[in-house]
Amino acid sequence: MMKDEHWPTLISSALAAVVVGFASTILVVMQAAEAVGANEAQKISWAAMLCFAMGGLTLWLSWRHKMPMIIAWSTPGAALLATSAHGVAYTSALGAFAVAGLLAALTGLIAPLARGIERIPSSVASAMLAGVLMSYVLIVPAASLAMPWQVVPLVIGFFVLRLWKPMWTVPIVVVLGLGLAAFSGLMNFNTSDFAVARPTYDWPAFSFAAIISLGLPLYLVTMASQNLPGFAVLRASGYQPPVASALITTGLASTLLSPFMGPQVNMAAITASLTTGPDTHPDPSQRWKVALPYGALYAWVGLAAGLFVKVLGALPNDLVHAIAGLALFSPLMGAVQAMMKEPNEIEAALVTFLITASSIVIVGIGAPFWGLVIGLVIWGLKKQLVKT
C-alpha cells in the first residue's frame, strides 16, 4: 500500500478537502455553539471532537468498504442551531444532538424509516434548508453597515473569487478576513492561551421542546442536505455506497459523542467531490487510501483546535457573522434552486421557506419544525386534489 506512486495526489486531494471543509464553515459551527451558550472550553471541545470524529470515521468506513467515504460535520445543522437555538439550555441542546444521531442510526436500521425520509419531497426539504440559511445570510448586509471597511472588501472579494475559483472562495475569504482584522488592530488574543485541545464533558438533558425544535429538524436537514447528497456523490463516481453502514456508524458516533461536541457528523457532499474522482487516484479501488492523509490532517487540526478557536474568537462579531453568512451563500443558492424546481410544489415549498425563515416559536418549538409540517400538509393536500 505504501508503495503507491499516487500518494502525492492522494495527499493533495485530502489537503484540499480538509482546508475547504474546515475553513469554510468552522465559523458557522462556532456560532452554533455560542447560540446554545457554550463557553470557550466547550467551543474548543466541539471543534476538536468533531475533527477527531470526522478523521476517525473516514478512516474506518473507507478501509472497511474500500471506497472514499468522507465524513464531515453538518453545516446545515450548524446553521440551524445558530439561527434557532437561542434560549435553549446547553445540556438540552446536547440531548437534541443525541436524539438526532439516534434517529440517523435508526434510519439505517429500519428500512421503512429510510424510505419515509426519501419520500419527503426534495422541494419541501430544500425550502426548510433555504429558510434556515436565509436568516443567516441576511446578517451580511447589517454587518457591512456596521464594519464597512472590513466587511465590504470581503463581500466584493467573495463574488470576484467565485468567478475564478469557486471551491476556494470561502477559505480565501476567511484568510482575507483574518488579515483585515489583524491589520485594523481588531484581533486581541495572547499566544499563551494556545494549548492542545482538551475535551469537555456535559451530560445531555432530554427536553421534549428541544428535541422537537432542534433534534428533529437537525436530523431531517442533515439527512436531506448532507447524507443523501453524499451518497449521490459516491454513486456519481461509480461506487455503491453502503447506506445502512454509514448511517448507523455516523448516527451512533454522533449520539455517543454528544456530551463532548455538536451538532452531528455525517456523509460529506461538497468536500467528498474533491476526493472521489480520478484526480485523486486513477484506480477507483485505490481511492479509499485518501482517508489516510485525511484522517491524519484532521487529527492535527483537532489537536490544534484551541489555537483555531482562539484566533477566530478574536474576530469582532460582525466580521464573524459576515464571513459565516458568505460561506452559506452557495448552499442557499442551491437550496433555493431545488425548492423551485417542481412547479406543482412551489406553494408548499414557499410556505415552508417563509415559516422557517420567520424564526417564529410556537409552544416552545422552533420555526424549522413548523415550516416542514405545514409545508408537508399543503403538499399532501394539493397532491390529493390533483388525484381527484
Protein backbone atom coordinates (compact mmCIF):
# COMPACT_ATOMS: atom_id res chain seq x y z
CA MET A 1 0.00 0.00 0.00
CA MET A 2 2.78 2.45 0.91
CA LYS A 3 4.48 1.96 -2.48
CA ASP A 4 1.58 3.52 -4.36
CA GLU A 5 3.05 6.15 -6.73
CA HIS A 6 -0.09 8.25 -6.48
CA TRP A 7 0.43 9.34 -2.87
CA PRO A 8 1.10 12.97 -3.92
CA THR A 9 -2.38 13.27 -5.47
CA LEU A 10 -3.97 11.38 -2.58
CA ILE A 11 -2.40 13.80 -0.11
CA SER A 12 -3.20 16.91 -2.14
CA SER A 13 -6.85 15.83 -2.51
CA ALA A 14 -7.10 15.20 1.23
CA LEU A 15 -5.49 18.55 2.00
CA ALA A 16 -7.92 20.36 -0.30
CA ALA A 17 -10.89 18.60 1.35
CA VAL A 18 -9.67 19.49 4.85
CA VAL A 19 -8.92 23.13 4.04
CA VAL A 20 -12.20 23.68 2.20
CA GLY A 21 -14.26 21.73 4.74
CA PHE A 22 -12.77 23.29 7.87
CA ALA A 23 -12.10 26.86 6.85
CA SER A 24 -15.39 27.27 5.00
CA THR A 25 -17.73 26.59 7.89
CA ILE A 26 -15.89 26.39 11.24
CA LEU A 27 -17.23 29.89 11.98
CA VAL A 28 -20.78 28.61 11.49
CA VAL A 29 -20.10 25.80 13.98
CA MET A 30 -18.72 28.31 16.49
CA GLN A 31 -21.80 30.49 16.03
CA ALA A 32 -23.96 27.42 16.70
CA ALA A 33 -22.02 26.70 19.89
CA GLU A 34 -22.44 30.30 21.01
CA ALA A 35 -26.18 30.16 20.32
CA VAL A 36 -26.63 27.33 22.84
CA GLY A 37 -24.49 29.08 25.44
CA ALA A 38 -21.22 27.17 25.05
CA ASN A 39 -18.24 28.67 26.84
CA GLU A 40 -14.78 28.89 25.29
CA ALA A 41 -13.65 25.48 26.59
CA GLN A 42 -16.80 23.86 25.21
CA LYS A 43 -16.30 25.53 21.83
CA ILE A 44 -12.78 24.09 21.68
CA SER A 45 -14.16 20.68 22.63
CA TRP A 46 -16.74 20.89 19.83
CA ALA A 47 -14.11 21.75 17.23
CA ALA A 48 -11.63 19.14 18.44
CA MET A 49 -14.06 16.24 18.82
CA LEU A 50 -15.76 16.95 15.50
CA CYS A 51 -12.35 16.85 13.79
CA PHE A 52 -11.36 13.62 15.56
CA ALA A 53 -14.72 12.02 14.72
CA MET A 54 -14.54 13.06 11.07
CA GLY A 55 -11.00 11.78 10.64
CA GLY A 56 -11.53 8.55 12.56
CA LEU A 57 -14.84 7.61 10.94
CA THR A 58 -13.48 8.40 7.47
CA LEU A 59 -10.56 6.04 8.13
CA TRP A 60 -12.80 3.26 9.46
CA LEU A 61 -15.54 3.39 6.84
CA SER A 62 -13.15 3.87 3.90
CA TRP A 63 -10.94 0.97 4.99
CA ARG A 64 -13.92 -1.28 5.74
CA HIS A 65 -15.72 -0.67 2.44
CA LYS A 66 -12.67 0.14 0.27
CA MET A 67 -14.12 3.37 -1.10
CA PRO A 68 -13.51 7.05 -0.23
CA MET A 69 -16.24 7.60 2.36
CA ILE A 70 -15.57 11.14 3.52
CA ILE A 71 -17.23 12.24 6.77
CA ALA A 72 -17.95 15.87 7.63
CA TRP A 73 -19.87 17.86 10.20
CA SER A 74 -23.38 19.05 9.43
CA THR A 75 -23.02 22.59 8.10
CA PRO A 76 -26.79 22.99 7.57
CA GLY A 77 -27.26 21.62 11.09
CA ALA A 78 -24.85 24.20 12.49
CA ALA A 79 -26.69 26.96 10.63
CA LEU A 80 -29.98 25.65 12.02
CA LEU A 81 -28.61 25.88 15.57
CA ALA A 82 -27.11 29.31 15.02
CA THR A 83 -30.49 30.72 13.99
CA SER A 84 -32.95 28.62 16.02
CA ALA A 85 -31.27 27.56 19.27
CA HIS A 86 -31.20 30.83 21.21
CA GLY A 87 -32.78 30.29 24.61
CA VAL A 88 -32.19 26.52 24.60
CA ALA A 89 -30.04 25.34 27.51
CA TYR A 90 -26.65 23.90 26.58
CA THR A 91 -27.33 20.44 28.02
CA SER A 92 -30.77 20.35 26.38
CA ALA A 93 -29.11 21.09 23.04
CA LEU A 94 -26.72 18.17 23.64
CA GLY A 95 -29.73 15.95 24.29
CA ALA A 96 -31.26 17.07 20.99
CA PHE A 97 -27.97 16.21 19.23
CA ALA A 98 -28.02 12.74 20.79
CA VAL A 99 -31.59 12.12 19.60
CA ALA A 100 -30.77 13.38 16.08
CA GLY A 101 -27.85 10.94 15.90
CA LEU A 102 -30.03 8.10 17.17
CA LEU A 103 -32.65 8.87 14.52
CA ALA A 104 -29.95 8.70 11.83
CA ALA A 105 -28.82 5.31 13.14
CA LEU A 106 -32.42 4.05 13.23
CA THR A 107 -32.85 5.19 9.64
CA GLY A 108 -30.02 2.87 8.69
CA LEU A 109 -31.52 0.02 10.72
CA ILE A 110 -35.20 0.39 9.77
CA ALA A 111 -35.84 0.22 6.03
CA PRO A 112 -39.38 1.76 6.16
CA LEU A 113 -37.99 4.76 8.03
CA ALA A 114 -35.34 5.26 5.36
CA ARG A 115 -37.99 5.05 2.66
CA GLY A 116 -40.14 7.56 4.54
CA ILE A 117 -37.29 10.08 4.63
CA GLU A 118 -36.67 9.54 0.94
CA ARG A 119 -40.36 10.28 0.25
CA ILE A 120 -40.17 13.78 1.72
CA PRO A 121 -40.31 15.93 -1.41
CA SER A 122 -36.94 17.49 -2.09
CA SER A 123 -38.67 20.83 -2.75
CA VAL A 124 -40.05 20.99 0.81
CA ALA A 125 -36.83 19.72 2.42
CA SER A 126 -34.81 22.22 0.39
CA ALA A 127 -37.21 25.01 1.35
CA MET A 128 -36.67 24.27 5.05
CA LEU A 129 -32.92 24.40 4.48
CA ALA A 130 -33.23 27.63 2.47
CA GLY A 131 -35.25 29.23 5.26
CA VAL A 132 -32.61 28.30 7.82
CA LEU A 133 -29.78 29.62 5.65
CA MET A 134 -31.62 32.77 4.56
CA SER A 135 -31.94 34.15 8.08
CA TYR A 136 -28.19 33.69 8.47
CA VAL A 137 -27.11 35.15 5.13
CA LEU A 138 -29.30 38.21 5.75
CA ILE A 139 -26.92 39.20 8.55
CA VAL A 140 -24.28 40.14 5.95
CA PRO A 141 -25.86 43.50 4.89
CA ALA A 142 -26.16 44.62 8.52
CA ALA A 143 -22.57 43.58 9.18
CA SER A 144 -21.48 45.55 6.10
CA LEU A 145 -23.05 48.70 7.54
CA ALA A 146 -21.56 48.08 10.99
CA MET A 147 -17.99 47.46 9.71
CA PRO A 148 -17.84 48.77 6.13
CA TRP A 149 -14.04 48.96 5.86
CA GLN A 150 -13.63 45.30 6.86
CA VAL A 151 -16.78 43.60 5.56
CA VAL A 152 -17.39 45.34 2.20
CA PRO A 153 -13.96 44.29 0.80
CA LEU A 154 -14.78 40.70 1.85
CA VAL A 155 -18.12 40.80 0.04
CA ILE A 156 -16.52 42.20 -3.13
CA GLY A 157 -13.66 39.70 -2.93
CA PHE A 158 -16.11 36.85 -2.39
CA PHE A 159 -18.05 37.47 -5.59
CA VAL A 160 -14.92 38.18 -7.63
CA LEU A 161 -13.33 34.94 -6.43
CA ARG A 162 -16.49 32.96 -7.27
CA LEU A 163 -15.83 33.78 -10.93
CA TRP A 164 -12.31 32.36 -10.66
CA LYS A 165 -12.05 29.55 -8.10
CA PRO A 166 -15.49 28.87 -6.60
CA MET A 167 -14.33 25.95 -4.43
CA TRP A 168 -11.60 28.01 -2.76
CA THR A 169 -13.62 31.21 -2.37
CA VAL A 170 -14.57 30.84 1.30
CA PRO A 171 -11.15 29.66 2.60
CA ILE A 172 -9.52 32.63 0.85
CA VAL A 173 -12.16 34.99 2.26
CA VAL A 174 -11.53 33.62 5.77
CA VAL A 175 -7.80 34.31 5.42
CA LEU A 176 -8.56 37.75 3.98
CA GLY A 177 -10.88 38.49 6.90
CA LEU A 178 -8.22 37.49 9.41
CA GLY A 179 -5.71 39.69 7.60
CA LEU A 180 -8.03 42.70 7.57
CA ALA A 181 -8.83 42.24 11.27
CA ALA A 182 -5.16 41.96 12.19
CA PHE A 183 -4.23 44.98 10.05
CA SER A 184 -7.01 47.02 11.68
CA GLY A 185 -5.91 46.02 15.19
CA LEU A 186 -9.19 44.21 15.88
CA MET A 187 -7.69 40.87 16.95
CA ASN A 188 -6.83 40.62 20.61
CA PHE A 189 -5.50 37.32 21.99
CA ASN A 190 -2.45 36.03 23.80
CA THR A 191 -0.19 33.33 22.42
CA SER A 192 -0.04 31.91 25.95
CA ASP A 193 -3.70 30.92 25.51
CA PHE A 194 -2.80 28.33 22.88
CA ALA A 195 -2.62 24.73 24.05
CA VAL A 196 -3.51 21.22 22.96
CA ALA A 197 -7.30 20.93 22.85
CA ARG A 198 -8.98 19.29 25.84
CA PRO A 199 -12.48 17.83 25.52
CA THR A 200 -15.16 18.91 27.97
CA TYR A 201 -17.92 16.60 29.19
CA ASP A 202 -21.50 17.61 29.89
CA TRP A 203 -24.27 15.07 30.43
CA PRO A 204 -27.12 15.70 27.94
CA ALA A 205 -30.55 16.68 29.24
CA PHE A 206 -33.55 15.50 27.27
CA SER A 207 -36.15 18.22 26.79
CA PHE A 208 -39.19 17.50 24.63
CA ALA A 209 -39.26 21.05 23.30
CA ALA A 210 -35.55 20.98 22.39
CA ILE A 211 -35.85 17.57 20.76
CA ILE A 212 -38.79 18.68 18.60
CA SER A 213 -37.48 22.17 17.76
CA LEU A 214 -33.79 21.24 17.33
CA GLY A 215 -33.25 17.48 17.28
CA LEU A 216 -35.87 16.54 14.68
CA PRO A 217 -35.09 19.42 12.26
CA LEU A 218 -31.35 18.71 12.72
CA TYR A 219 -31.92 15.09 11.75
CA LEU A 220 -34.07 16.00 8.74
CA VAL A 221 -31.90 18.80 7.39
CA THR A 222 -28.75 16.71 7.81
CA MET A 223 -30.33 13.74 6.09
CA ALA A 224 -31.67 15.79 3.20
CA SER A 225 -28.73 18.16 2.74
CA GLN A 226 -25.71 16.08 3.74
CA ASN A 227 -26.26 12.33 3.78
CA LEU A 228 -28.38 11.91 0.66
CA PRO A 229 -26.17 14.22 -1.48
CA GLY A 230 -23.11 12.48 -0.02
CA PHE A 231 -24.36 9.11 -1.21
CA ALA A 232 -25.16 10.67 -4.59
CA VAL A 233 -21.54 11.86 -4.93
CA LEU A 234 -20.30 8.32 -4.37
CA ARG A 235 -22.78 6.91 -6.90
CA ALA A 236 -21.71 9.51 -9.46
CA SER A 237 -18.13 8.25 -9.09
CA GLY A 238 -19.17 4.65 -9.75
CA TYR A 239 -19.46 3.38 -6.16
CA GLN A 240 -22.39 1.65 -4.50
CA PRO A 241 -22.43 3.35 -1.08
CA PRO A 242 -23.20 1.19 1.98
CA VAL A 243 -26.06 3.41 3.16
CA ALA A 244 -27.03 1.42 6.27
CA SER A 245 -23.43 1.11 7.48
CA ALA A 246 -22.75 4.82 7.01
CA LEU A 247 -25.94 5.99 8.75
CA ILE A 248 -25.59 3.58 11.67
CA THR A 249 -21.92 4.42 12.20
CA THR A 250 -22.22 8.21 11.94
CA GLY A 251 -25.52 8.26 13.85
CA LEU A 252 -24.23 6.23 16.79
CA ALA A 253 -20.99 8.22 16.84
CA SER A 254 -22.98 11.47 16.98
CA THR A 255 -25.05 10.11 19.87
CA LEU A 256 -22.16 8.70 21.87
CA LEU A 257 -20.05 11.82 21.40
CA SER A 258 -22.87 14.29 22.13
CA PRO A 259 -21.53 15.06 25.66
CA PHE A 260 -18.36 16.38 24.02
CA MET A 261 -19.47 18.00 20.77
CA GLY A 262 -22.16 19.21 18.44
CA PRO A 263 -24.03 19.13 16.26
CA GLN A 264 -23.54 15.94 14.17
CA VAL A 265 -21.23 14.04 11.82
CA ASN A 266 -22.49 12.69 8.51
CA MET A 267 -21.55 11.97 4.92
CA ALA A 268 -19.73 14.82 3.20
CA ALA A 269 -21.13 16.19 -0.04
CA ILE A 270 -19.08 19.12 -1.37
CA THR A 271 -15.72 18.07 0.09
CA ALA A 272 -16.35 14.47 -0.94
CA SER A 273 -16.36 15.58 -4.57
CA LEU A 274 -12.71 16.58 -4.10
CA THR A 275 -11.64 13.05 -3.19
CA THR A 276 -13.81 10.60 -5.13
CA GLY A 277 -12.71 11.30 -8.72
CA PRO A 278 -9.79 10.28 -10.94
CA ASP A 279 -7.77 13.33 -9.88
CA THR A 280 -7.30 11.61 -6.54
CA HIS A 281 -6.32 8.21 -7.98
CA PRO A 282 -6.89 6.72 -11.45
CA ASP A 283 -7.90 3.39 -9.92
CA PRO A 284 -11.31 3.65 -8.17
CA SER A 285 -10.45 0.66 -5.97
CA GLN A 286 -7.48 2.57 -4.53
CA ARG A 287 -9.13 5.91 -3.82
CA TRP A 288 -10.08 4.80 -0.33
CA LYS A 289 -6.46 5.48 0.63
CA VAL A 290 -7.24 9.21 0.63
CA ALA A 291 -8.73 8.50 4.06
CA LEU A 292 -5.22 8.06 5.49
CA PRO A 293 -3.97 11.63 4.93
CA TYR A 294 -7.50 12.98 5.51
CA GLY A 295 -7.64 11.33 8.94
CA ALA A 296 -4.11 12.39 9.82
CA LEU A 297 -4.74 16.01 8.83
CA TYR A 298 -7.96 16.23 10.83
CA ALA A 299 -6.22 14.67 13.84
CA TRP A 300 -3.70 17.53 13.68
CA VAL A 301 -6.43 20.14 13.24
CA GLY A 302 -8.28 18.63 16.20
CA LEU A 303 -5.22 18.84 18.45
CA ALA A 304 -4.75 22.47 17.42
CA ALA A 305 -8.46 23.31 17.81
CA GLY A 306 -7.71 25.60 20.74
CA LEU A 307 -5.49 27.75 18.53
CA PHE A 308 -8.10 27.98 15.77
CA VAL A 309 -10.91 28.80 18.18
CA LYS A 310 -8.78 31.46 19.90
CA VAL A 311 -7.85 33.09 16.59
CA LEU A 312 -11.39 33.02 15.24
CA GLY A 313 -12.79 34.06 18.60
CA ALA A 314 -10.64 37.19 18.50
CA LEU A 315 -12.58 38.45 15.48
CA PRO A 316 -15.34 41.03 16.01
CA ASN A 317 -18.85 39.54 15.95
CA ASP A 318 -19.95 41.49 12.87
CA LEU A 319 -16.94 40.20 10.92
CA VAL A 320 -17.62 36.64 12.06
CA HIS A 321 -21.28 36.95 11.00
CA ALA A 322 -20.24 38.32 7.63
CA ILE A 323 -17.75 35.53 6.88
CA ALA A 324 -20.17 32.83 8.05
CA GLY A 325 -23.01 34.36 6.02
CA LEU A 326 -20.86 34.43 2.90
CA ALA A 327 -19.88 30.80 3.49
CA LEU A 328 -23.55 29.84 3.39
CA PHE A 329 -24.36 31.79 0.22
CA SER A 330 -23.61 28.91 -2.13
CA PRO A 331 -25.64 26.33 -0.13
CA LEU A 332 -28.51 28.86 -0.01
CA MET A 333 -28.40 29.32 -3.77
CA GLY A 334 -28.53 25.54 -4.29
CA ALA A 335 -31.42 25.15 -1.83
CA VAL A 336 -33.46 27.92 -3.49
CA GLN A 337 -32.96 26.35 -6.92
CA ALA A 338 -34.05 22.94 -5.58
CA MET A 339 -37.15 24.29 -3.80
CA MET A 340 -38.40 25.91 -7.02
CA LYS A 341 -37.60 23.01 -9.33
CA GLU A 342 -41.08 21.43 -9.37
CA PRO A 343 -43.82 23.88 -10.50
CA ASN A 344 -46.59 21.89 -8.79
CA GLU A 345 -44.82 22.05 -5.42
CA ILE A 346 -43.89 25.75 -5.35
CA GLU A 347 -46.74 26.74 -2.97
CA ALA A 348 -45.77 24.15 -0.36
CA ALA A 349 -42.09 24.96 -0.74
CA LEU A 350 -42.64 28.71 -0.45
CA VAL A 351 -44.79 28.35 2.68
CA THR A 352 -42.14 26.09 4.23
CA PHE A 353 -39.45 28.62 3.36
CA LEU A 354 -41.34 31.64 4.74
CA ILE A 355 -42.31 29.97 8.02
CA THR A 356 -38.80 28.63 8.57
CA ALA A 357 -37.19 31.99 7.79
CA SER A 358 -39.63 33.80 10.12
CA SER A 359 -37.92 32.33 13.24
CA ILE A 360 -41.30 32.01 14.99
CA VAL A 361 -41.58 29.86 18.11
CA ILE A 362 -44.87 28.14 18.98
CA VAL A 363 -45.27 26.23 22.28
CA GLY A 364 -41.51 26.28 22.63
CA ILE A 365 -40.91 24.64 19.24
CA GLY A 366 -38.90 26.48 16.59
CA ALA A 367 -39.77 27.58 13.08
CA PRO A 368 -37.99 24.84 11.05
CA PHE A 369 -40.29 22.17 12.51
CA TRP A 370 -43.46 24.16 11.83
CA GLY A 371 -42.28 25.11 8.36
CA LEU A 372 -41.72 21.46 7.48
CA VAL A 373 -45.01 20.25 8.99
CA ILE A 374 -47.19 22.92 7.36
CA GLY A 375 -45.35 22.60 4.07
CA LEU A 376 -45.92 18.84 4.03
CA VAL A 377 -49.62 19.33 4.83
CA ILE A 378 -50.03 21.74 1.91
CA TRP A 379 -48.03 19.43 -0.36
CA GLY A 380 -50.19 16.43 0.64
CA LEU A 381 -53.49 18.29 0.22
CA LYS A 382 -52.55 19.56 -3.22
CA LYS A 383 -51.41 16.08 -4.26
CA GLN A 384 -54.79 14.64 -3.20
CA LEU A 385 -56.70 17.37 -5.05
CA VAL A 386 -54.73 16.67 -8.23
CA LYS A 387 -55.63 12.97 -7.97
CA THR A 388 -59.33 13.70 -7.59
